[in-house]
C-alpha cells in the first residue's frame, strides 16, 4: 500500500482475536479503501472494504441520527458491548429477525448462524409471543418481521407462529428459507400464505448445480425452481438471496438477475449478499476472498450488458451508506427494464432524519416484496409470452400499469465480520436480531465471531458480554 497517497479516516473496530474495541482507520489508496487497525496485544490487521467505482467518499447519504423509541439497555462498557438497543444507537429498527430454531435440514459449508450444530431446543410459542410483544413495544407494528433460524420450515408449528405475528398487529412477515420444504410439499406454500405469510426470502446462490455443490454441498437448482413455482401459485412474493463468493458465483450475477426477471412479478427482486466470515466457514479469509459492493454493482452492469447501469443504483436511506446499495426497476413486456431510482436522484447533500429513512425503507419493502394483486403464472410459463423483438417503448398508460405489478428490486448488503467490522456502521444498523432475552442486537454484531469462532453475542446473556 502506498502510504504517501493514503488518506486516513478514523473509526473504531474490534480485534479479530480478543474482540476488544480498538481504533481503526479507513485508508484510501487509489481506488481501494482498507480498514487498518492494530491491537496492542495481537498486532495489525488490514482488510479491503471497497474496490473501484463508484468511489466510497462519494457514496454517501447523510442522515440526522435518530434514537430508538424504547431502549432496553443503557451504556455501560460502550459500543459494541451494550446492545439492547442502547441509547447511543443511531437508527430505528426497520427489520426484526426472530431465530425460531437452531435446527436445519442442511449442513452448508457456509452458514451465518452455524445452523444444525446446536443441541438447543426450539423457543416455545409463549417465548416467541413475549419477543413479539417486546419488539412491538420498542418499534411499533410497522416493521418487517423475519422468521429465520436455522431453517424455520423444520418447525411443524410455523403456520401458528405466522398467525401469532399477524395477531400481534404486524402487517408484514417474511420467512428466510432454503426452500427444500416449499419444493417438496406443493400444499405447504398455500398453508403459509393462508396463515398470513407475506414473502419468502429464498436462498438462491446461482443458476447451475455446480454452484450449489460447492457452496451448499449438494445439487439444488431443480428444487429451488420448484419452490419458486409453488410460492407463485400460492401468491407468495419471492426474493432471491444469493451469497456471492469470489471465484465461485460472481460471474453468475447477470444470469441470476435474468432468471428472476423472467419470473416477475412472482419473483419480486434479488438481494445479493457478498460472503462474510462469521458463523461457519471453511477457513479464515484473506483479501482475495472479499467481494465489495462496487464490484457487484459493476458486475451487474457488465453481465446484464448495461440493461442495468451503475448509475441506476443508490446508497441506502435507512442503514449506514457503506452497508448496501439498491436499485428499483420496471420489467417491461419486451424483456427490457426501466430504472425507477438512481444515485443522482437520491444522494443529495441535505441530510434527512434517519427515522424517516427507516420508515421509507419499511414501506418500500412491505410493498415491493409482497406479491402484487394480479394472477401470477407458474414459474414454468413465466417470461414465455414476452415480445422480445419489440423495440417500441411502452405507452404512458402501459408503463404506469406495469409499475403496479412488475417492479423489480435489486439490492446488495455487505454484512460485517470481525476483520472488517466498523462500529460507526453498527451504530446505524436497522436490521436487528431478537436475542433470547428479548434485547435487540444489530445483525452483524449478533452473528460476529472471533478468528477462532468465539461469539460476541450469540448464546450469551447481557451480563456475560463485556470487553
Protein backbone atom coordinates (compact mmCIF):
# COMPACT_ATOMS: atom_id res chain seq x y z
CA UNK A 1 0.00 0.00 0.00
CA UNK A 2 1.34 3.45 -0.92
CA UNK A 3 1.23 5.31 2.41
CA UNK A 4 2.20 8.56 0.69
CA UNK A 5 -1.17 8.79 -1.08
CA UNK A 6 -3.28 7.13 1.61
CA UNK A 7 -5.82 9.37 3.36
CA UNK A 8 -6.91 8.13 6.79
CA UNK A 9 -10.49 8.37 8.01
CA UNK A 10 -10.97 7.42 11.66
CA UNK A 11 -13.46 4.99 13.16
CA UNK A 12 -13.46 2.13 15.69
CA UNK A 13 -13.39 -1.62 15.25
CA UNK A 14 -12.63 -4.85 17.16
CA UNK A 15 -9.56 -7.02 17.43
CA UNK A 16 -10.19 -10.26 15.48
CA UNK A 17 -8.52 -12.28 18.24
CA UNK A 18 -9.68 -10.84 21.59
CA UNK A 19 -12.77 -8.85 20.46
CA UNK A 20 -11.59 -5.74 22.32
CA UNK A 21 -12.57 -2.35 20.92
CA UNK A 22 -9.67 -0.68 19.14
CA UNK A 23 -9.19 2.42 17.00
CA UNK A 24 -9.20 1.97 13.24
CA UNK A 25 -8.81 3.95 10.05
CA UNK A 26 -10.39 3.65 6.65
CA UNK A 27 -7.42 4.28 4.39
CA UNK A 28 -7.98 5.33 0.77
CA UNK A 29 -5.27 4.03 -1.53
CA UNK A 30 -6.02 4.75 -5.17
CA UNK A 31 -9.39 3.17 -5.92
CA UNK A 32 -9.31 0.87 -2.91
CA UNK A 33 -10.35 1.52 0.68
CA UNK A 34 -8.86 -0.52 3.52
CA UNK A 35 -9.77 -0.88 7.18
CA UNK A 36 -6.48 -0.70 9.08
CA UNK A 37 -6.45 -1.44 12.81
CA UNK A 38 -3.95 -2.54 15.43
CA UNK A 39 -4.43 -4.34 18.73
CA UNK A 40 -1.62 -3.71 21.28
CA UNK A 41 -1.58 -7.43 22.05
CA UNK A 42 -2.37 -9.07 18.69
CA UNK A 43 -0.96 -6.70 16.08
CA UNK A 44 -2.19 -5.05 12.89
CA UNK A 45 -4.93 -6.16 10.51
CA UNK A 46 -5.69 -4.76 7.03
CA UNK A 47 -8.94 -5.65 5.31
CA UNK A 48 -10.22 -4.36 1.97
CA UNK A 49 -13.61 -2.60 2.21
CA UNK A 50 -14.17 -1.10 -1.23
CA UNK A 51 -12.73 -1.61 -4.70
CA UNK A 52 -13.24 0.89 -7.52
CA UNK A 53 -16.14 2.98 -8.76
CA UNK A 54 -18.48 4.28 -7.52
CA UNK A 55 -15.89 5.61 -5.07
CA UNK A 56 -16.55 5.40 -1.34
CA UNK A 57 -16.17 9.11 -0.43
CA UNK A 58 -18.90 9.92 -2.94
CA UNK A 59 -21.13 7.03 -1.83
CA UNK A 60 -22.81 8.93 0.97
CA UNK A 61 -26.33 9.70 2.03
CA UNK A 62 -26.07 11.90 5.12
CA UNK A 63 -28.70 11.34 7.79
CA UNK A 64 -29.62 13.01 11.05
CA UNK A 65 -29.30 10.26 13.69
CA UNK A 66 -32.47 9.01 15.37
CA UNK A 67 -32.96 7.27 18.68
CA UNK A 68 -34.97 4.07 19.15
CA UNK A 69 -38.37 4.75 20.72
CA UNK A 70 -37.58 2.31 23.56
CA UNK A 71 -34.10 1.28 24.76
CA UNK A 72 -33.74 -1.95 26.72
CA UNK A 73 -30.19 -1.31 27.97
CA UNK A 74 -28.09 1.70 28.92
CA UNK A 75 -24.43 2.28 28.04
CA UNK A 76 -22.01 0.73 30.48
CA UNK A 77 -18.98 -0.54 28.57
CA UNK A 78 -19.53 1.34 25.29
CA UNK A 79 -20.25 0.09 21.77
CA UNK A 80 -20.46 -2.79 20.89
CA UNK A 81 -20.97 -4.31 24.35
CA UNK A 82 -24.24 -2.66 25.43
CA UNK A 83 -26.65 -3.66 22.68
CA UNK A 84 -30.24 -3.98 23.66
CA UNK A 85 -30.60 -1.46 21.86
CA UNK A 86 -28.78 1.11 24.00
CA UNK A 87 -29.43 4.84 23.98
CA UNK A 88 -26.35 5.52 21.84
CA UNK A 89 -27.74 3.61 18.86
CA UNK A 90 -28.46 5.90 15.94
CA UNK A 91 -31.21 4.20 13.96
CA UNK A 92 -34.71 2.83 14.35
CA UNK A 93 -35.43 -0.80 13.52
CA UNK A 94 -36.85 -1.50 10.08
CA UNK A 95 -36.49 -5.31 10.36
CA UNK A 96 -36.58 -7.58 13.40
CA UNK A 97 -35.25 -11.08 12.89
CA UNK A 98 -36.52 -13.95 15.05
CA UNK A 99 -34.41 -17.11 15.19
CA UNK A 100 -37.20 -19.60 15.84
CA UNK A 101 -34.96 -22.67 15.60
CA UNK A 102 -31.29 -23.60 15.52
CA UNK A 103 -32.10 -26.80 13.61
CA UNK A 104 -31.61 -27.13 9.86
CA UNK A 105 -32.31 -29.73 7.17
CA UNK A 106 -28.97 -28.92 5.51
CA UNK A 107 -25.36 -28.56 6.67
CA UNK A 108 -23.87 -25.93 4.37
CA UNK A 109 -20.10 -25.26 4.45
CA UNK A 110 -21.02 -21.55 4.81
CA UNK A 111 -23.69 -20.50 7.34
CA UNK A 112 -24.22 -17.19 9.15
CA UNK A 113 -25.85 -18.90 12.12
CA UNK A 114 -23.75 -22.11 12.18
CA UNK A 115 -27.11 -23.87 11.99
CA UNK A 116 -27.63 -27.54 12.66
CA UNK A 117 -24.73 -27.82 15.12
CA UNK A 118 -26.63 -26.77 18.22
CA UNK A 119 -28.50 -29.05 20.59
CA UNK A 120 -30.64 -26.16 21.86
CA UNK A 121 -34.37 -26.74 21.85
CA UNK A 122 -36.66 -24.51 19.79
CA UNK A 123 -38.10 -21.48 21.60
CA UNK A 124 -41.66 -22.10 22.73
CA UNK A 125 -44.68 -20.31 21.31
CA UNK A 126 -45.00 -18.45 24.62
CA UNK A 127 -41.40 -17.25 24.31
CA UNK A 128 -41.94 -16.10 20.73
CA UNK A 129 -45.10 -14.27 21.79
CA UNK A 130 -43.09 -12.48 24.51
CA UNK A 131 -40.49 -11.47 21.90
CA UNK A 132 -43.21 -10.12 19.61
CA UNK A 133 -44.71 -8.01 22.38
CA UNK A 134 -41.27 -6.70 23.30
CA UNK A 135 -40.49 -5.74 19.70
CA UNK A 136 -43.88 -4.10 19.27
CA UNK A 137 -43.29 -2.04 22.42
CA UNK A 138 -39.85 -0.97 21.15
CA UNK A 139 -40.57 -0.48 17.46
CA UNK A 140 -44.30 -0.32 16.84
CA UNK A 141 -46.04 -2.67 14.43
CA UNK A 142 -44.88 -1.13 11.14
CA UNK A 143 -41.60 -3.05 10.82
CA UNK A 144 -40.70 -6.17 8.82
CA UNK A 145 -40.73 -9.38 10.87
CA UNK A 146 -38.34 -12.03 9.55
CA UNK A 147 -38.65 -15.61 10.78
CA UNK A 148 -35.27 -17.27 10.48
CA UNK A 149 -33.03 -19.84 12.11
CA UNK A 150 -31.67 -22.38 11.38
CA UNK A 151 -34.28 -23.39 8.85
CA UNK A 152 -37.70 -22.17 10.08
CA UNK A 153 -39.68 -24.64 7.96
CA UNK A 154 -38.43 -27.56 10.10
CA UNK A 155 -40.90 -26.36 12.75
CA UNK A 156 -44.27 -28.02 12.25
CA UNK A 157 -45.94 -25.10 14.03
CA UNK A 158 -44.56 -22.44 11.63
CA UNK A 159 -48.11 -21.55 10.43
CA UNK A 160 -49.08 -20.98 14.09
CA UNK A 161 -46.10 -18.66 14.56
CA UNK A 162 -47.06 -16.69 11.45
CA UNK A 163 -50.62 -16.34 12.75
CA UNK A 164 -49.21 -15.15 16.07
CA UNK A 165 -47.17 -12.45 14.30
CA UNK A 166 -50.28 -11.27 12.49
CA UNK A 167 -52.40 -11.35 15.65
CA UNK A 168 -49.86 -9.10 17.36
CA UNK A 169 -50.59 -6.49 14.68
CA UNK A 170 -47.56 -6.78 12.40
CA UNK A 171 -48.56 -6.36 8.76
CA UNK A 172 -45.55 -7.94 7.07
CA UNK A 173 -43.99 -11.29 7.91
CA UNK A 174 -41.27 -12.99 5.88
CA UNK A 175 -39.64 -16.43 6.13
CA UNK A 176 -35.93 -16.86 5.40
CA UNK A 177 -35.59 -20.34 3.90
CA UNK A 178 -33.52 -22.70 1.78
CA UNK A 179 -36.76 -23.74 0.04
CA UNK A 180 -36.48 -27.51 0.49
CA UNK A 181 -39.83 -27.97 2.19
CA UNK A 182 -41.52 -25.46 -0.10
CA UNK A 183 -40.24 -27.53 -3.01
CA UNK A 184 -41.14 -30.95 -1.68
CA UNK A 185 -44.66 -30.18 -0.44
CA UNK A 186 -46.80 -28.38 -3.06
CA UNK A 187 -49.50 -27.55 -0.48
CA UNK A 188 -47.10 -26.07 2.07
CA UNK A 189 -46.74 -22.63 0.46
CA UNK A 190 -50.53 -22.29 0.47
CA UNK A 191 -50.67 -23.17 4.16
CA UNK A 192 -48.13 -20.47 4.98
CA UNK A 193 -49.94 -17.92 2.81
CA UNK A 194 -53.26 -18.69 4.47
CA UNK A 195 -51.62 -18.25 7.88
CA UNK A 196 -50.58 -14.73 6.84
CA UNK A 197 -47.11 -15.06 5.33
CA UNK A 198 -46.27 -12.15 3.02
CA UNK A 199 -42.95 -13.04 1.43
CA UNK A 200 -40.29 -15.72 1.04
CA UNK A 201 -36.61 -14.74 1.32
CA UNK A 202 -35.19 -17.66 -0.69
CA UNK A 203 -31.57 -18.78 -0.57
CA UNK A 204 -30.64 -18.78 -4.27
CA UNK A 205 -26.92 -18.84 -4.99
CA UNK A 206 -26.80 -19.42 -8.72
CA UNK A 207 -28.25 -20.86 -11.91
CA UNK A 208 -26.11 -24.02 -12.10
CA UNK A 209 -25.87 -27.05 -9.84
CA UNK A 210 -22.10 -26.68 -9.67
CA UNK A 211 -22.57 -23.56 -7.54
CA UNK A 212 -24.79 -25.45 -5.09
CA UNK A 213 -22.48 -28.45 -4.93
CA UNK A 214 -19.59 -26.23 -3.89
CA UNK A 215 -21.43 -23.79 -1.62
CA UNK A 216 -24.20 -25.98 -0.18
CA UNK A 217 -22.79 -29.48 -0.57
CA UNK A 218 -25.42 -30.87 -2.99
CA UNK A 219 -27.35 -30.16 -6.18
CA UNK A 220 -30.36 -27.94 -5.53
CA UNK A 221 -31.34 -25.98 -8.64
CA UNK A 222 -34.40 -28.04 -9.57
CA UNK A 223 -35.67 -27.80 -6.00
CA UNK A 224 -35.17 -24.02 -5.98
CA UNK A 225 -37.18 -23.64 -9.20
CA UNK A 226 -39.97 -25.85 -7.84
CA UNK A 227 -40.08 -23.87 -4.60
CA UNK A 228 -40.48 -20.63 -6.58
CA UNK A 229 -43.26 -22.12 -8.69
CA UNK A 230 -45.12 -23.35 -5.60
CA UNK A 231 -44.82 -19.91 -3.99
CA UNK A 232 -46.07 -18.17 -7.11
CA UNK A 233 -49.09 -20.47 -7.34
CA UNK A 234 -49.88 -19.61 -3.71
CA UNK A 235 -49.46 -15.85 -4.23
CA UNK A 236 -46.35 -15.50 -2.10
CA UNK A 237 -43.81 -12.93 -3.22
CA UNK A 238 -40.28 -14.35 -3.60
CA UNK A 239 -36.97 -12.53 -3.14
CA UNK A 240 -33.88 -14.38 -4.41
CA UNK A 241 -30.96 -14.13 -1.98
CA UNK A 242 -27.57 -15.19 -3.41
CA UNK A 243 -24.49 -15.47 -1.20
CA UNK A 244 -21.71 -14.32 -3.52
CA UNK A 245 -18.30 -15.96 -3.15
CA UNK A 246 -15.26 -14.83 -5.21
CA UNK A 247 -14.22 -17.46 -7.71
CA UNK A 248 -17.48 -19.36 -7.33
CA UNK A 249 -20.57 -17.45 -8.49
CA UNK A 250 -19.64 -13.81 -9.04
CA UNK A 251 -19.77 -14.47 -12.81
CA UNK A 252 -23.36 -15.72 -12.44
CA UNK A 253 -24.78 -12.37 -11.28
CA UNK A 254 -26.30 -11.48 -14.64
CA UNK A 255 -27.82 -14.94 -15.05
CA UNK A 256 -29.40 -14.73 -11.59
CA UNK A 257 -30.96 -11.38 -12.48
CA UNK A 258 -32.31 -12.67 -15.79
CA UNK A 259 -33.68 -15.76 -14.04
CA UNK A 260 -35.53 -13.54 -11.59
CA UNK A 261 -36.85 -11.05 -14.15
CA UNK A 262 -38.19 -13.88 -16.33
CA UNK A 263 -40.29 -14.90 -13.33
CA UNK A 264 -41.60 -11.44 -12.48
CA UNK A 265 -43.95 -10.49 -10.98
CA UNK A 266 -43.79 -13.63 -8.81
CA UNK A 267 -40.11 -13.02 -8.11
CA UNK A 268 -40.02 -9.53 -6.62
CA UNK A 269 -36.29 -8.94 -6.76
CA UNK A 270 -32.75 -10.12 -5.98
CA UNK A 271 -30.85 -9.29 -2.80
CA UNK A 272 -27.11 -10.02 -3.16
CA UNK A 273 -25.01 -10.78 -0.08
CA UNK A 274 -21.22 -10.96 -0.54
CA UNK A 275 -19.88 -13.67 1.75
CA UNK A 276 -18.98 -12.59 5.28
CA UNK A 277 -16.82 -14.67 7.56
CA UNK A 278 -18.74 -15.38 10.73
CA UNK A 279 -20.72 -18.36 11.95
CA UNK A 280 -19.43 -21.30 9.86
CA UNK A 281 -16.93 -21.01 7.01
CA UNK A 282 -14.11 -23.24 5.75
CA UNK A 283 -11.10 -21.12 6.76
CA UNK A 284 -10.05 -17.60 7.78
CA UNK A 285 -10.19 -15.29 4.75
CA UNK A 286 -7.58 -13.24 3.02
CA UNK A 287 -8.41 -10.19 0.93
CA UNK A 288 -8.66 -12.16 -2.33
CA UNK A 289 -11.75 -13.78 -0.79
CA UNK A 290 -13.51 -10.45 -0.36
CA UNK A 291 -16.15 -9.15 -2.77
CA UNK A 292 -17.10 -5.49 -2.25
CA UNK A 293 -20.30 -3.65 -3.10
CA UNK A 294 -18.93 -1.57 -6.01
CA UNK A 295 -17.59 -4.74 -7.62
CA UNK A 296 -21.09 -6.21 -7.51
CA UNK A 297 -22.64 -3.05 -8.94
CA UNK A 298 -20.16 -3.00 -11.84
CA UNK A 299 -20.71 -6.73 -12.43
CA UNK A 300 -24.45 -6.10 -12.69
CA UNK A 301 -23.86 -3.54 -15.45
CA UNK A 302 -21.36 -5.74 -17.30
CA UNK A 303 -23.23 -9.02 -17.02
CA UNK A 304 -26.62 -7.54 -17.98
CA UNK A 305 -24.97 -5.81 -20.97
CA UNK A 306 -25.96 -2.42 -19.47
CA UNK A 307 -29.60 -3.40 -19.05
CA UNK A 308 -28.94 -2.13 -15.52
CA UNK A 309 -26.26 0.52 -15.13
CA UNK A 310 -24.04 1.67 -12.29
CA UNK A 311 -25.86 5.00 -12.11
CA UNK A 312 -29.17 3.17 -11.54
CA UNK A 313 -28.05 2.23 -8.02
CA UNK A 314 -28.01 4.38 -4.90
CA UNK A 315 -26.87 4.29 -1.26
CA UNK A 316 -29.44 3.26 1.37
CA UNK A 317 -31.79 5.64 3.12
CA UNK A 318 -32.00 3.52 6.28
CA UNK A 319 -28.75 1.80 7.28
CA UNK A 320 -25.24 3.28 7.03
CA UNK A 321 -24.27 4.26 3.49
CA UNK A 322 -21.36 1.80 3.41
CA UNK A 323 -23.63 -1.17 4.12
CA UNK A 324 -25.71 -1.56 0.99
CA UNK A 325 -26.99 -0.44 -2.40
CA UNK A 326 -30.36 -0.62 -4.10
CA UNK A 327 -31.97 -0.02 -7.47
CA UNK A 328 -35.62 -0.26 -8.47
CA UNK A 329 -36.76 -1.20 -11.96
CA UNK A 330 -39.83 -1.96 -14.03
CA UNK A 331 -39.66 -5.15 -16.09
CA UNK A 332 -41.24 -4.37 -19.46
CA UNK A 333 -43.09 -6.65 -21.87
CA UNK A 334 -40.19 -6.57 -24.31
CA UNK A 335 -37.79 -8.08 -21.78
CA UNK A 336 -36.06 -4.78 -21.03
CA UNK A 337 -36.16 -2.77 -17.82
CA UNK A 338 -36.59 0.87 -16.93
CA UNK A 339 -34.91 2.27 -13.80
CA UNK A 340 -37.03 3.98 -11.17
CA UNK A 341 -34.15 5.17 -9.00
CA UNK A 342 -30.62 6.47 -9.41
CA UNK A 343 -27.74 7.69 -7.30
CA UNK A 344 -28.17 11.23 -8.60
CA UNK A 345 -31.85 11.26 -7.72
CA UNK A 346 -31.45 10.06 -4.15
CA UNK A 347 -27.99 11.06 -2.99
CA UNK A 348 -28.06 14.72 -2.05
CA UNK A 349 -26.19 16.94 0.39
CA UNK A 350 -29.20 17.76 2.54
CA UNK A 351 -29.36 15.35 5.49
CA UNK A 352 -32.68 13.67 6.21
CA UNK A 353 -33.74 12.21 9.56
CA UNK A 354 -32.63 8.60 9.98
CA UNK A 355 -36.06 7.72 11.34
CA UNK A 356 -37.56 8.96 8.08
CA UNK A 357 -35.19 6.70 6.16
CA UNK A 358 -36.21 3.71 8.29
CA UNK A 359 -39.91 4.40 7.71
CA UNK A 360 -39.45 4.81 3.96
CA UNK A 361 -37.38 1.63 3.78
CA UNK A 362 -40.02 -0.33 5.65
CA UNK A 363 -42.85 1.00 3.48
CA UNK A 364 -40.93 0.13 0.32
CA UNK A 365 -40.08 -3.40 1.44
CA UNK A 366 -43.59 -4.24 2.56
CA UNK A 367 -44.95 -3.11 -0.81
CA UNK A 368 -42.19 -4.46 -3.04
CA UNK A 369 -41.56 -7.88 -1.50
CA UNK A 370 -45.23 -8.86 -1.29
CA UNK A 371 -46.99 -10.49 -4.24
CA UNK A 372 -48.80 -7.99 -6.49
CA UNK A 373 -52.57 -8.00 -6.73
CA UNK A 374 -52.73 -9.89 -10.03
CA UNK A 375 -52.97 -13.52 -11.13
CA UNK A 376 -49.42 -14.86 -11.45
CA UNK A 377 -48.39 -17.52 -13.97
CA UNK A 378 -46.44 -20.57 -12.77
CA UNK A 379 -42.68 -20.27 -12.99
CA UNK A 380 -42.56 -22.74 -15.89
CA UNK A 381 -44.60 -20.31 -18.01
CA UNK A 382 -43.27 -17.03 -16.67
CA UNK A 383 -41.50 -14.93 -19.26
CA UNK A 384 -42.62 -17.11 -22.20
CA UNK A 385 -45.03 -14.51 -23.54
CA UNK A 386 -42.55 -11.66 -23.74
CA UNK A 387 -42.30 -9.94 -27.11
CA UNK A 388 -38.52 -9.87 -27.04
CA UNK A 389 -38.11 -8.41 -30.54
CA UNK A 390 -40.33 -5.46 -29.70
CA UNK A 391 -38.27 -2.26 -29.74
CA UNK A 392 -41.12 0.22 -29.24
CA UNK A 393 -41.23 1.92 -25.84
CA UNK A 394 -44.43 1.37 -23.84
CA UNK A 395 -47.17 3.96 -23.79
CA UNK A 396 -47.52 6.03 -20.62
CA UNK A 397 -50.65 4.12 -19.57
CA UNK A 398 -48.94 0.77 -20.17
CA UNK A 399 -45.90 1.91 -18.22
CA UNK A 400 -47.97 3.14 -15.26
CA UNK A 401 -49.91 -0.12 -15.18
CA UNK A 402 -46.66 -2.05 -15.36
CA UNK A 403 -45.32 -0.17 -12.34
CA UNK A 404 -48.24 -1.50 -10.29
CA UNK A 405 -47.30 -5.11 -10.97
CA UNK A 406 -43.83 -5.61 -12.43
CA UNK A 407 -41.48 -3.59 -10.25
CA UNK A 408 -38.24 -5.46 -9.57
CA UNK A 409 -35.84 -4.55 -6.77
CA UNK A 410 -32.10 -5.23 -6.98
CA UNK A 411 -30.05 -4.69 -3.85
CA UNK A 412 -26.94 -5.83 -2.04
CA UNK A 413 -25.85 -5.79 1.58
CA UNK A 414 -22.30 -6.24 2.88
CA UNK A 415 -22.56 -7.80 6.32
CA UNK A 416 -19.56 -7.24 8.57
CA UNK A 417 -17.33 -9.82 10.21
CA UNK A 418 -14.63 -9.44 12.85
CA UNK A 419 -11.99 -8.40 10.31
CA UNK A 420 -13.96 -5.55 8.70
CA UNK A 421 -16.42 -4.53 11.43
CA UNK A 422 -16.81 -0.76 11.68
CA UNK A 423 -18.59 0.44 14.83
CA UNK A 424 -19.80 3.59 13.09
CA UNK A 425 -21.76 1.29 10.78
CA UNK A 426 -23.12 -0.95 13.53
CA UNK A 427 -24.43 2.08 15.46
CA UNK A 428 -26.52 2.91 12.40
CA UNK A 429 -27.85 -0.61 11.80
CA UNK A 430 -31.61 -1.02 11.26
CA UNK A 431 -31.69 -4.85 10.96
CA UNK A 432 -31.85 -6.29 14.46
CA UNK A 433 -31.87 -9.84 15.79
CA UNK A 434 -34.12 -10.52 18.77
CA UNK A 435 -31.86 -12.14 21.38
CA UNK A 436 -33.28 -14.94 23.58
CA UNK A 437 -33.83 -12.46 26.42
CA UNK A 438 -35.71 -10.07 24.12
CA UNK A 439 -32.98 -7.49 23.51
CA UNK A 440 -32.44 -6.10 20.01
CA UNK A 441 -28.91 -6.58 18.64
CA UNK A 442 -27.60 -5.38 15.25
CA UNK A 443 -27.41 -8.35 12.88
CA UNK A 444 -23.65 -8.20 12.30
CA UNK A 445 -22.83 -7.96 15.99
CA UNK A 446 -25.18 -10.77 16.95
CA UNK A 447 -23.56 -13.13 14.44
CA UNK A 448 -19.99 -11.87 14.85
CA UNK A 449 -17.36 -14.38 15.95
CA UNK A 450 -13.65 -14.01 16.69
CA UNK A 451 -10.97 -15.53 14.46
CA UNK A 452 -11.18 -18.75 16.50
CA UNK A 453 -15.01 -18.86 16.43
CA UNK A 454 -15.72 -17.26 19.83
CA UNK A 455 -19.06 -15.37 19.61
CA UNK A 456 -19.53 -11.79 20.75
CA UNK A 457 -23.29 -12.12 21.40
CA UNK A 458 -24.79 -15.39 20.22
CA UNK A 459 -25.54 -17.74 23.11
CA UNK A 460 -24.72 -15.15 25.77
CA UNK A 461 -26.77 -13.23 28.31
CA UNK A 462 -26.35 -9.47 28.65
CA UNK A 463 -24.34 -9.95 31.83
CA UNK A 464 -21.80 -12.14 30.00
CA UNK A 465 -20.95 -9.52 27.36
CA UNK A 466 -18.14 -7.22 28.42
CA UNK A 467 -14.85 -6.01 26.93
